[in-house]
PDB file of N, CA and C in Angstrom:
ATOM      1  N   MET A   1     -63.028  65.538 -97.479  1.00  0.00           N
ATOM      2  CA  MET A   1     -61.658  65.147 -97.254  1.00  0.00           C
ATOM      3  C   MET A   1     -61.427  63.681 -97.605  1.00  0.00           C
ATOM      4  N   ILE A   2     -62.437  62.850 -97.354  1.00  0.00           N
ATOM      5  CA  ILE A   2     -62.312  61.424 -97.650  1.00  0.00           C
ATOM      6  C   ILE A   2     -62.094  61.176 -99.139  1.00  0.00           C
ATOM      7  N   PRO A   3     -62.820  61.871-100.059  1.00  0.00           N
ATOM      8  CA  PRO A   3     -62.553  61.644-101.483  1.00  0.00           C
ATOM      9  C   PRO A   3     -61.125  62.003-101.891  1.00  0.00           C
ATOM     10  N   VAL A   4     -60.573  63.048-101.302  1.00  0.00           N
ATOM     11  CA  VAL A   4     -59.201  63.445-101.632  1.00  0.00           C
ATOM     12  C   VAL A   4     -58.218  62.368-101.162  1.00  0.00           C
ATOM     13  N   ILE A   5     -58.438  61.853 -99.969  1.00  0.00           N
ATOM     14  CA  ILE A   5     -57.579  60.779 -99.456  1.00  0.00           C
ATOM     15  C   ILE A   5     -57.692  59.546-100.353  1.00  0.00           C
ATOM     16  N   GLY A   6     -58.920  59.214-100.757  1.00  0.00           N
ATOM     17  CA  GLY A   6     -59.126  58.075-101.655  1.00  0.00           C
ATOM     18  C   GLY A   6     -58.433  58.273-103.000  1.00  0.00           C
ATOM     19  N   LEU A   7     -58.482  59.499-103.515  1.00  0.00           N
ATOM     20  CA  LEU A   7     -57.817  59.799-104.778  1.00  0.00           C
ATOM     21  C   LEU A   7     -56.309  59.647-104.661  1.00  0.00           C
ATOM     22  N   VAL A   8     -55.749  60.173-103.592  1.00  0.00           N
ATOM     23  CA  VAL A   8     -54.302  60.075-103.381  1.00  0.00           C
ATOM     24  C   VAL A   8     -53.881  58.611-103.228  1.00  0.00           C
ATOM     25  N   ILE A   9     -54.645  57.855-102.461  1.00  0.00           N
ATOM     26  CA  ILE A   9     -54.325  56.435-102.286  1.00  0.00           C
ATOM     27  C   ILE A   9     -54.452  55.698-103.611  1.00  0.00           C
ATOM     28  N   GLY A  10     -55.504  55.961-104.363  1.00  0.00           N
ATOM     29  CA  GLY A  10     -55.710  55.306-105.653  1.00  0.00           C
ATOM     30  C   GLY A  10     -54.608  55.607-106.648  1.00  0.00           C
ATOM     31  N   VAL A  11     -54.197  56.866-106.730  1.00  0.00           N
ATOM     32  CA  VAL A  11     -53.105  57.238-107.633  1.00  0.00           C
ATOM     33  C   VAL A  11     -51.808  56.582-107.182  1.00  0.00           C
ATOM     34  N   GLY A  12     -51.561  56.587-105.885  1.00  0.00           N
ATOM     35  CA  GLY A  12     -50.347  55.961-105.361  1.00  0.00           C
ATOM     36  C   GLY A  12     -50.296  54.470-105.651  1.00  0.00           C
ATOM     37  N   VAL A  13     -51.409  53.767-105.434  1.00  0.00           N
ATOM     38  CA  VAL A  13     -51.454  52.325-105.713  1.00  0.00           C
ATOM     39  C   VAL A  13     -51.286  52.082-107.218  1.00  0.00           C
ATOM     40  N   GLY A  14     -51.903  52.916-108.037  1.00  0.00           N
ATOM     41  CA  GLY A  14     -51.768  52.767-109.481  1.00  0.00           C
ATOM     42  C   GLY A  14     -50.340  52.960-109.959  1.00  0.00           C
ATOM     43  N   LEU A  15     -49.663  53.950-109.396  1.00  0.00           N
ATOM     44  CA  LEU A  15     -48.266  54.187-109.773  1.00  0.00           C
ATOM     45  C   LEU A  15     -47.352  53.075-109.258  1.00  0.00           C
ATOM     46  N   TRP A  16     -47.655  52.562-108.086  1.00  0.00           N
ATOM     47  CA  TRP A  16     -46.834  51.516-107.490  1.00  0.00           C
ATOM     48  C   TRP A  16     -47.014  50.182-108.216  1.00  0.00           C
ATOM     49  N   MET A  17     -48.252  49.819-108.521  1.00  0.00           N
ATOM     50  CA  MET A  17     -48.523  48.515-109.134  1.00  0.00           C
ATOM     51  C   MET A  17     -48.337  48.525-110.651  1.00  0.00           C
ATOM     52  N   GLN A  18     -48.459  49.665-111.280  1.00  0.00           N
ATOM     53  CA  GLN A  18     -48.344  49.817-112.729  1.00  0.00           C
ATOM     54  C   GLN A  18     -49.148  48.746-113.464  1.00  0.00           C
ATOM     55  N   PRO A  19     -50.474  48.807-113.346  1.00  0.00           N
ATOM     56  CA  PRO A  19     -51.307  47.778-113.990  1.00  0.00           C
ATOM     57  C   PRO A  19     -51.254  47.907-115.513  1.00  0.00           C
ATOM     58  N   THR A  20     -51.450  46.797-116.194  1.00  0.00           N
ATOM     59  CA  THR A  20     -51.504  46.801-117.651  1.00  0.00           C
ATOM     60  C   THR A  20     -52.940  46.529-118.089  1.00  0.00           C
ATOM     61  N   VAL A  21     -53.320  47.157-119.160  1.00  0.00           N
ATOM     62  CA  VAL A  21     -54.660  46.980-119.708  1.00  0.00           C
ATOM     63  C   VAL A  21     -54.587  45.892-120.771  1.00  0.00           C
ATOM     64  N   PRO A  22     -55.462  44.896-120.715  1.00  0.00           N
ATOM     65  CA  PRO A  22     -55.452  43.859-121.744  1.00  0.00           C
ATOM     66  C   PRO A  22     -55.636  44.470-123.136  1.00  0.00           C
ATOM     67  N   LEU A  23     -55.019  43.876-124.109  1.00  0.00           N
ATOM     68  CA  LEU A  23     -55.041  44.388-125.475  1.00  0.00           C
ATOM     69  C   LEU A  23     -56.463  44.538-126.005  1.00  0.00           C
ATOM     70  N   SER A  24     -57.340  43.630-125.618  1.00  0.00           N
ATOM     71  CA  SER A  24     -58.717  43.684-126.113  1.00  0.00           C
ATOM     72  C   SER A  24     -59.502  44.869-125.542  1.00  0.00           C
ATOM     73  N   LEU A  25     -59.085  45.406-124.408  1.00  0.00           N
ATOM     74  CA  LEU A  25     -59.789  46.532-123.790  1.00  0.00           C
ATOM     75  C   LEU A  25     -59.157  47.882-124.088  1.00  0.00           C
ATOM     76  N   GLN A  26     -57.986  47.900-124.699  1.00  0.00           N
ATOM     77  CA  GLN A  26     -57.286  49.157-124.934  1.00  0.00           C
ATOM     78  C   GLN A  26     -58.059  50.166-125.782  1.00  0.00           C
ATOM     79  N   PRO A  27     -58.841  49.754-126.784  1.00  0.00           N
ATOM     80  CA  PRO A  27     -59.588  50.771-127.541  1.00  0.00           C
ATOM     81  C   PRO A  27     -60.666  51.480-126.717  1.00  0.00           C
ATOM     82  N   TYR A  28     -61.114  50.831-125.647  1.00  0.00           N
ATOM     83  CA  TYR A  28     -62.217  51.370-124.861  1.00  0.00           C
ATOM     84  C   TYR A  28     -61.752  52.249-123.697  1.00  0.00           C
ATOM     85  N   LEU A  29     -60.514  52.111-123.287  1.00  0.00           N
ATOM     86  CA  LEU A  29     -60.017  52.844-122.121  1.00  0.00           C
ATOM     87  C   LEU A  29     -60.062  54.356-122.300  1.00  0.00           C
ATOM     88  N   PRO A  30     -59.576  54.924-123.414  1.00  0.00           N
ATOM     89  CA  PRO A  30     -59.645  56.386-123.548  1.00  0.00           C
ATOM     90  C   PRO A  30     -61.074  56.915-123.540  1.00  0.00           C
ATOM     91  N   ILE A  31     -61.982  56.168-124.165  1.00  0.00           N
ATOM     92  CA  ILE A  31     -63.382  56.582-124.189  1.00  0.00           C
ATOM     93  C   ILE A  31     -63.963  56.533-122.783  1.00  0.00           C
ATOM     94  N   ALA A  32     -63.640  55.482-122.042  1.00  0.00           N
ATOM     95  CA  ALA A  32     -64.138  55.354-120.673  1.00  0.00           C
ATOM     96  C   ALA A  32     -63.608  56.477-119.789  1.00  0.00           C
ATOM     97  N   ILE A  33     -62.356  56.851-119.984  1.00  0.00           N
ATOM     98  CA  ILE A  33     -61.775  57.929-119.179  1.00  0.00           C
ATOM     99  C   ILE A  33     -62.451  59.259-119.486  1.00  0.00           C
ATOM    100  N   VAL A  34     -62.690  59.541-120.753  1.00  0.00           N
ATOM    101  CA  VAL A  34     -63.347  60.797-121.116  1.00  0.00           C
ATOM    102  C   VAL A  34     -64.792  60.804-120.611  1.00  0.00           C
ATOM    103  N   ALA A  35     -65.483  59.668-120.689  1.00  0.00           N
ATOM    104  CA  ALA A  35     -66.848  59.582-120.171  1.00  0.00           C
ATOM    105  C   ALA A  35     -66.870  59.800-118.658  1.00  0.00           C
ATOM    106  N   ALA A  36     -65.908  59.222-117.958  1.00  0.00           N
ATOM    107  CA  ALA A  36     -65.821  59.413-116.509  1.00  0.00           C
ATOM    108  C   ALA A  36     -65.490  60.865-116.185  1.00  0.00           C
ATOM    109  N   LEU A  37     -64.618  61.473-116.966  1.00  0.00           N
ATOM    110  CA  LEU A  37     -64.267  62.881-116.760  1.00  0.00           C
ATOM    111  C   LEU A  37     -65.487  63.777-116.959  1.00  0.00           C
ATOM    112  N   ASP A  38     -66.335  63.428-117.920  1.00  0.00           N
ATOM    113  CA  ASP A  38     -67.575  64.179-118.129  1.00  0.00           C
ATOM    114  C   ASP A  38     -68.449  64.128-116.881  1.00  0.00           C
ATOM    115  N   ALA A  39     -68.566  62.954-116.288  1.00  0.00           N
ATOM    116  CA  ALA A  39     -69.376  62.820-115.074  1.00  0.00           C
ATOM    117  C   ALA A  39     -68.775  63.616-113.920  1.00  0.00           C
ATOM    118  N   VAL A  40     -67.464  63.609-113.799  1.00  0.00           N
ATOM    119  CA  VAL A  40     -66.801  64.327-112.707  1.00  0.00           C
ATOM    120  C   VAL A  40     -66.976  65.840-112.869  1.00  0.00           C
ATOM    121  N   VAL A  41     -66.796  66.345-114.077  1.00  0.00           N
ATOM    122  CA  VAL A  41     -66.955  67.790-114.303  1.00  0.00           C
ATOM    123  C   VAL A  41     -68.416  68.193-114.096  1.00  0.00           C
ATOM    124  N   GLY A  42     -69.338  67.338-114.526  1.00  0.00           N
ATOM    125  CA  GLY A  42     -70.756  67.598-114.256  1.00  0.00           C
ATOM    126  C   GLY A  42     -71.055  67.629-112.768  1.00  0.00           C
ATOM    127  N   ALA A  43     -70.419  66.746-112.011  1.00  0.00           N
ATOM    128  CA  ALA A  43     -70.601  66.725-110.553  1.00  0.00           C
ATOM    129  C   ALA A  43     -70.026  67.986-109.920  1.00  0.00           C
ATOM    130  N   LEU A  44     -68.886  68.454-110.416  1.00  0.00           N
ATOM    131  CA  LEU A  44     -68.314  69.696-109.893  1.00  0.00           C
ATOM    132  C   LEU A  44     -69.240  70.884-110.162  1.00  0.00           C
ATOM    133  N   ARG A  45     -69.856  70.878-111.335  1.00  0.00           N
ATOM    134  CA  ARG A  45     -70.812  71.951-111.642  1.00  0.00           C
ATOM    135  C   ARG A  45     -72.009  71.879-110.693  1.00  0.00           C
ATOM    136  N   ALA A  46     -72.547  70.682-110.510  1.00  0.00           N
ATOM    137  CA  ALA A  46     -73.683  70.518-109.605  1.00  0.00           C
ATOM    138  C   ALA A  46     -73.306  70.898-108.175  1.00  0.00           C
ATOM    139  N   LEU A  47     -72.096  70.587-107.776  1.00  0.00           N
ATOM    140  CA  LEU A  47     -71.630  70.950-106.436  1.00  0.00           C
ATOM    141  C   LEU A  47     -71.591  72.465-106.279  1.00  0.00           C
ATOM    142  N   GLY A  48     -71.094  73.153-107.304  1.00  0.00           N
ATOM    143  CA  GLY A  48     -71.049  74.611-107.260  1.00  0.00           C
ATOM    144  C   GLY A  48     -72.418  75.244-107.256  1.00  0.00           C
ATOM    145  N   GLU A  49     -73.392  74.575-107.883  1.00  0.00           N
ATOM    146  CA  GLU A  49     -74.768  75.081-107.922  1.00  0.00           C
ATOM    147  C   GLU A  49     -75.591  74.579-106.743  1.00  0.00           C
ATOM    148  N   LYS A  50     -74.946  73.901-105.817  1.00  0.00           N
ATOM    149  CA  LYS A  50     -75.563  73.375-104.592  1.00  0.00           C
ATOM    150  C   LYS A  50     -76.743  72.437-104.887  1.00  0.00           C
ATOM    151  N   ARG A  51     -76.594  71.614-105.931  1.00  0.00           N
ATOM    152  CA  ARG A  51     -77.611  70.620-106.260  1.00  0.00           C
ATOM    153  C   ARG A  51     -76.991  69.245-106.501  1.00  0.00           C
ATOM    154  N   PHE A  52     -75.818  69.013-105.905  1.00  0.00           N
ATOM    155  CA  PHE A  52     -75.119  67.735-106.062  1.00  0.00           C
ATOM    156  C   PHE A  52     -75.859  66.641-105.318  1.00  0.00           C
ATOM    157  N   ASP A  53     -75.990  65.488-105.978  1.00  0.00           N
ATOM    158  CA  ASP A  53     -76.588  64.308-105.357  1.00  0.00           C
ATOM    159  C   ASP A  53     -75.661  63.130-105.643  1.00  0.00           C
ATOM    160  N   ASP A  54     -75.215  62.479-104.598  1.00  0.00           N
ATOM    161  CA  ASP A  54     -74.240  61.405-104.791  1.00  0.00           C
ATOM    162  C   ASP A  54     -74.803  60.244-105.597  1.00  0.00           C
ATOM    163  N   ARG A  55     -76.065  59.944-105.450  1.00  0.00           N
ATOM    164  CA  ARG A  55     -76.667  58.857-106.238  1.00  0.00           C
ATOM    165  C   ARG A  55     -76.687  59.203-107.719  1.00  0.00           C
ATOM    166  N   VAL A  56     -77.036  60.433-108.027  1.00  0.00           N
ATOM    167  CA  VAL A  56     -77.042  60.871-109.424  1.00  0.00           C
ATOM    168  C   VAL A  56     -75.632  60.803-109.989  1.00  0.00           C
ATOM    169  N   PHE A  57     -74.653  61.193-109.195  1.00  0.00           N
ATOM    170  CA  PHE A  57     -73.272  61.141-109.657  1.00  0.00           C
ATOM    171  C   PHE A  57     -72.837  59.712-109.962  1.00  0.00           C
ATOM    172  N   VAL A  58     -73.109  58.792-109.060  1.00  0.00           N
ATOM    173  CA  VAL A  58     -72.688  57.402-109.264  1.00  0.00           C
ATOM    174  C   VAL A  58     -73.378  56.809-110.490  1.00  0.00           C
ATOM    175  N   VAL A  59     -74.678  57.041-110.622  1.00  0.00           N
ATOM    176  CA  VAL A  59     -75.405  56.527-111.784  1.00  0.00           C
ATOM    177  C   VAL A  59     -74.885  57.170-113.063  1.00  0.00           C
ATOM    178  N   SER A  60     -74.641  58.467-113.038  1.00  0.00           N
ATOM    179  CA  SER A  60     -74.112  59.165-114.207  1.00  0.00           C
ATOM    180  C   SER A  60     -72.734  58.649-114.573  1.00  0.00           C
ATOM    181  N   PHE A  61     -71.888  58.480-113.587  1.00  0.00           N
ATOM    182  CA  PHE A  61     -70.522  57.998-113.815  1.00  0.00           C
ATOM    183  C   PHE A  61     -70.542  56.629-114.486  1.00  0.00           C
ATOM    184  N   ILE A  62     -71.268  55.706-113.889  1.00  0.00           N
ATOM    185  CA  ILE A  62     -71.300  54.333-114.412  1.00  0.00           C
ATOM    186  C   ILE A  62     -71.983  54.285-115.769  1.00  0.00           C
ATOM    187  N   SER A  63     -73.124  54.954-115.898  1.00  0.00           N
ATOM    188  CA  SER A  63     -73.840  54.887-117.176  1.00  0.00           C
ATOM    189  C   SER A  63     -73.063  55.572-118.297  1.00  0.00           C
ATOM    190  N   ASN A  64     -72.389  56.677-118.025  1.00  0.00           N
ATOM    191  CA  ASN A  64     -71.572  57.320-119.059  1.00  0.00           C
ATOM    192  C   ASN A  64     -70.504  56.370-119.574  1.00  0.00           C
ATOM    193  N   VAL A  65     -69.811  55.716-118.665  1.00  0.00           N
ATOM    194  CA  VAL A  65     -68.732  54.810-119.057  1.00  0.00           C
ATOM    195  C   VAL A  65     -69.294  53.615-119.832  1.00  0.00           C
ATOM    196  N   VAL A  66     -70.366  53.021-119.345  1.00  0.00           N
ATOM    197  CA  VAL A  66     -70.929  51.836-119.998  1.00  0.00           C
ATOM    198  C   VAL A  66     -71.492  52.186-121.374  1.00  0.00           C
ATOM    199  N   ILE A  67     -72.232  53.288-121.473  1.00  0.00           N
ATOM    200  CA  ILE A  67     -72.826  53.666-122.757  1.00  0.00           C
ATOM    201  C   ILE A  67     -71.744  54.029-123.767  1.00  0.00           C
ATOM    202  N   ALA A  68     -70.748  54.784-123.347  1.00  0.00           N
ATOM    203  CA  ALA A  68     -69.671  55.161-124.272  1.00  0.00           C
ATOM    204  C   ALA A  68     -68.920  53.923-124.752  1.00  0.00           C
ATOM    205  N   ALA A  69     -68.607  53.012-123.841  1.00  0.00           N
ATOM    206  CA  ALA A  69     -67.906  51.782-124.237  1.00  0.00           C
ATOM    207  C   ALA A  69     -68.777  50.928-125.149  1.00  0.00           C
ATOM    208  N   ALA A  70     -70.073  50.858-124.862  1.00  0.00           N
ATOM    209  CA  ALA A  70     -70.986  50.080-125.706  1.00  0.00           C
ATOM    210  C   ALA A  70     -71.075  50.676-127.116  1.00  0.00           C
ATOM    211  N   MET A  71     -71.078  52.004-127.194  1.00  0.00           N
ATOM    212  CA  MET A  71     -71.127  52.639-128.512  1.00  0.00           C
ATOM    213  C   MET A  71     -69.863  52.337-129.312  1.00  0.00           C
ATOM    214  N   VAL A  72     -68.730  52.379-128.670  1.00  0.00           N
ATOM    215  CA  VAL A  72     -67.472  52.077-129.359  1.00  0.00           C
ATOM    216  C   VAL A  72     -67.442  50.598-129.756  1.00  0.00           C
ATOM    217  N   PHE A  73     -67.913  49.726-128.877  1.00  0.00           N
ATOM    218  CA  PHE A  73     -67.980  48.300-129.213  1.00  0.00           C
ATOM    219  C   PHE A  73     -68.894  48.079-130.412  1.00  0.00           C
ATOM    220  N   LEU A  74     -70.049  48.713-130.418  1.00  0.00           N
ATOM    221  CA  LEU A  74     -70.969  48.601-131.548  1.00  0.00           C
ATOM    222  C   LEU A  74     -70.325  49.122-132.827  1.00  0.00           C
ATOM    223  N   GLY A  75     -69.623  50.236-132.719  1.00  0.00           N
ATOM    224  CA  GLY A  75     -68.907  50.768-133.878  1.00  0.00           C
ATOM    225  C   GLY A  75     -67.858  49.803-134.391  1.00  0.00           C
ATOM    226  N   ASP A  76     -67.156  49.143-133.487  1.00  0.00           N
ATOM    227  CA  ASP A  76     -66.167  48.135-133.903  1.00  0.00           C
ATOM    228  C   ASP A  76     -66.849  46.982-134.634  1.00  0.00           C
ATOM    229  N   GLN A  77     -67.998  46.565-134.123  1.00  0.00           N
ATOM    230  CA  GLN A  77     -68.719  45.461-134.764  1.00  0.00           C
ATOM    231  C   GLN A  77     -69.237  45.849-136.146  1.00  0.00           C
ATOM    232  N   LEU A  78     -69.581  47.109-136.318  1.00  0.00           N
ATOM    233  CA  LEU A  78     -70.088  47.592-137.604  1.00  0.00           C
ATOM    234  C   LEU A  78     -68.965  48.003-138.558  1.00  0.00           C
ATOM    235  N   GLY A  79     -67.741  48.037-138.054  1.00  0.00           N
ATOM    236  CA  GLY A  79     -66.606  48.409-138.887  1.00  0.00           C
ATOM    237  C   GLY A  79     -66.347  49.900-138.955  1.00  0.00           C
ATOM    238  N   VAL A  80     -66.967  50.658-138.068  1.00  0.00           N
ATOM    239  CA  VAL A  80     -66.759  52.113-138.041  1.00  0.00           C
ATOM    240  C   VAL A  80     -66.310  52.556-136.648  1.00  0.00           C
ATOM    241  N   GLY A  81     -65.478  51.742-136.028  1.00  0.00           N
ATOM    242  CA  GLY A  81     -65.073  51.989-134.641  1.00  0.00           C
ATOM    243  C   GLY A  81     -64.397  53.323-134.431  1.00  0.00           C
ATOM    244  N   SER A  82     -63.457  53.684-135.310  1.00  0.00           N
ATOM    245  CA  SER A  82     -62.726  54.933-135.096  1.00  0.00           C
ATOM    246  C   SER A  82     -63.621  56.146-135.316  1.00  0.00           C
ATOM    247  N   GLN A  83     -64.544  56.070-136.274  1.00  0.00           N
ATOM    248  CA  GLN A  83     -65.446  57.200-136.512  1.00  0.00           C
ATOM    249  C   GLN A  83     -66.412  57.375-135.337  1.00  0.00           C
ATOM    250  N   LEU A  84     -66.926  56.278-134.833  1.00  0.00           N
ATOM    251  CA  LEU A  84     -67.843  56.370-133.698  1.00  0.00           C
ATOM    252  C   LEU A  84     -67.106  56.805-132.444  1.00  0.00           C
ATOM    253  N   SER A  85     -65.866  56.363-132.277  1.00  0.00           N
ATOM    254  CA  SER A  85     -65.056  56.810-131.141  1.00  0.00           C
ATOM    255  C   SER A  85     -64.852  58.316-131.203  1.00  0.00           C
ATOM    256  N   THR A  86     -64.566  58.815-132.392  1.00  0.00           N
ATOM    257  CA  THR A  86     -64.386  60.259-132.564  1.00  0.00           C
ATOM    258  C   THR A  86     -65.669  60.997-132.223  1.00  0.00           C
ATOM    259  N   GLY A  87     -66.801  60.470-132.653  1.00  0.00           N
ATOM    260  CA  GLY A  87     -68.085  61.099-132.339  1.00  0.00           C
ATOM    261  C   GLY A  87     -68.354  61.148-130.847  1.00  0.00           C
ATOM    262  N   VAL A  88     -68.066  60.051-130.163  1.00  0.00           N
ATOM    263  CA  VAL A  88     -68.269  60.005-128.711  1.00  0.00           C
ATOM    264  C   VAL A  88     -67.359  61.013-128.020  1.00  0.00           C
ATOM    265  N   ILE A  89     -66.110  61.084-128.442  1.00  0.00           N
ATOM    266  CA  ILE A  89     -65.169  62.039-127.846  1.00  0.00           C
ATOM    267  C   ILE A  89     -65.633  63.466-128.073  1.00  0.00           C
ATOM    268  N   VAL A  90     -66.130  63.766-129.283  1.00  0.00           N
ATOM    269  CA  VAL A  90     -66.592  65.122-129.590  1.00  0.00           C
ATOM    270  C   VAL A  90     -67.780  65.493-128.705  1.00  0.00           C
ATOM    271  N   VAL A  91     -68.752  64.603-128.613  1.00  0.00           N
ATOM    272  CA  VAL A  91     -69.950  64.900-127.804  1.00  0.00           C
ATOM    273  C   VAL A  91     -69.579  65.073-126.333  1.00  0.00           C
ATOM    274  N   LEU A  92     -68.781  64.162-125.806  1.00  0.00           N
ATOM    275  CA  LEU A  92     -68.387  64.280-124.400  1.00  0.00           C
ATOM    276  C   LEU A  92     -67.498  65.498-124.181  1.00  0.00           C
ATOM    277  N   GLY A  93     -66.648  65.811-125.151  1.00  0.00           N
ATOM    278  CA  GLY A  93     -65.815  67.013-125.046  1.00  0.00           C
ATOM    279  C   GLY A  93     -66.651  68.278-124.991  1.00  0.00           C
ATOM    280  N   ILE A  94     -67.697  68.331-125.809  1.00  0.00           N
ATOM    281  CA  ILE A  94     -68.593  69.491-125.783  1.00  0.00           C
ATOM    282  C   ILE A  94     -69.246  69.618-124.412  1.00  0.00           C
ATOM    283  N   ARG A  95     -69.694  68.498-123.858  1.00  0.00           N
ATOM    284  CA  ARG A  95     -70.317  68.534-122.526  1.00  0.00           C
ATOM    285  C   ARG A  95     -69.330  68.962-121.455  1.00  0.00           C
ATOM    286  N   ILE A  96     -68.093  68.455-121.543  1.00  0.00           N
ATOM    287  CA  ILE A  96     -67.077  68.831-120.558  1.00  0.00           C
ATOM    288  C   ILE A  96     -66.794  70.322-120.622  1.00  0.00           C
ATOM    289  N   PHE A  97     -66.610  70.857-121.835  1.00  0.00           N
ATOM    290  CA  PHE A  97     -66.329  72.279-121.971  1.00  0.00           C
ATOM    291  C   PHE A  97     -67.520  73.141-121.569  1.00  0.00           C
ATOM    292  N   ALA A  98     -68.745  72.684-121.825  1.00  0.00           N
ATOM    293  CA  ALA A  98     -69.933  73.444-121.405  1.00  0.00           C
ATOM    294  C   ALA A  98     -70.010  73.502-119.876  1.00  0.00           C
ATOM    295  N   ASN A  99     -69.759  72.377-119.231  1.00  0.00           N
ATOM    296  CA  ASN A  99     -69.772  72.365-117.761  1.00  0.00           C
ATOM    297  C   ASN A  99     -68.621  73.196-117.196  1.00  0.00           C
ATOM    298  N   ALA A 100     -67.453  73.108-117.812  1.00  0.00           N
ATOM    299  CA  ALA A 100     -66.313  73.909-117.356  1.00  0.00           C
ATOM    300  C   ALA A 100     -66.597  75.399-117.515  1.00  0.00           C
ATOM    301  N   ALA A 101     -67.267  75.766-118.614  1.00  0.00           N
ATOM    302  CA  ALA A 101     -67.623  77.178-118.817  1.00  0.00           C
ATOM    303  C   ALA A 101     -68.611  77.642-117.753  1.00  0.00           C
ATOM    304  N   ALA A 102     -69.568  76.798-117.398  1.00  0.00           N
ATOM    305  CA  ALA A 102     -70.525  77.155-116.349  1.00  0.00           C
ATOM    306  C   ALA A 102     -69.827  77.313-115.003  1.00  0.00           C
ATOM    307  N   ILE A 103     -68.881  76.436-114.717  1.00  0.00           N
ATOM    308  CA  ILE A 103     -68.114  76.544-113.471  1.00  0.00           C
ATOM    309  C   ILE A 103     -67.309  77.841-113.461  1.00  0.00           C
ATOM    310  N   ARG A 104     -66.667  78.139-114.577  1.00  0.00           N
ATOM    311  CA  ARG A 104     -65.865  79.362-114.683  1.00  0.00           C
ATOM    312  C   ARG A 104     -66.742  80.607-114.517  1.00  0.00           C
ATOM    313  N   ARG A 105     -67.919  80.611-115.150  1.00  0.00           N
ATOM    314  CA  ARG A 105     -68.833  81.758-115.003  1.00  0.00           C
ATOM    315  C   ARG A 105     -69.264  81.935-113.553  1.00  0.00           C
ATOM    316  N   ARG A 106     -69.519  80.826-112.881  1.00  0.00           N
ATOM    317  CA  ARG A 106     -69.946  80.911-111.473  1.00  0.00           C
ATOM    318  C   ARG A 106     -68.830  81.427-110.590  1.00  0.00           C
ATOM    319  N   ILE A 107     -67.617  80.961-110.825  1.00  0.00           N
ATOM    320  CA  ILE A 107     -66.484  81.368-109.984  1.00  0.00           C
ATOM    321  C   ILE A 107     -66.104  82.834-110.222  1.00  0.00           C
ATOM    322  N   PHE A 108     -66.005  83.215-111.514  1.00  0.00           N
ATOM    323  CA  PHE A 108     -65.520  84.570-111.849  1.00  0.00           C
ATOM    324  C   PHE A 108     -66.629  85.559-112.147  1.00  0.00           C
ATOM    325  N   HIS A 109     -67.895  85.109-112.044  1.00  0.00           N
ATOM    326  CA  HIS A 109     -69.051  85.985-112.294  1.00  0.00           C
ATOM    327  C   HIS A 109     -68.937  86.680-113.646  1.00  0.00           C
ATOM    328  N   ALA A 110     -68.488  85.924-114.652  1.00  0.00           N
ATOM    329  CA  ALA A 110     -68.359  86.503-115.984  1.00  0.00           C
ATOM    330  C   ALA A 110     -69.048  85.647-117.008  1.00  0.00           C
TER     331      ALA A 110
END
């Protein structure tokens, strides 16, 4: 129940304050969100399989975001930022859909 309350409070504060992202960080925000979403969907799968560990989730969440942002930054430095961003999105998208499929199979036994 506490995570749900935290989520509601966080969304409410975000909508109320309407924060702006600095221009220099804007290319990294979508990648960071998708990386974080990958960690969350993976945690939901682990929760359904009764093997969720909060430490693993926190480390996965932070490392996914940092590694994805670092890859995009490296791509920007090499001049292939958009191609590397697309690659990161594709890989994380595949992981998200694989975890979602596992969750769906567990719920619907199909």
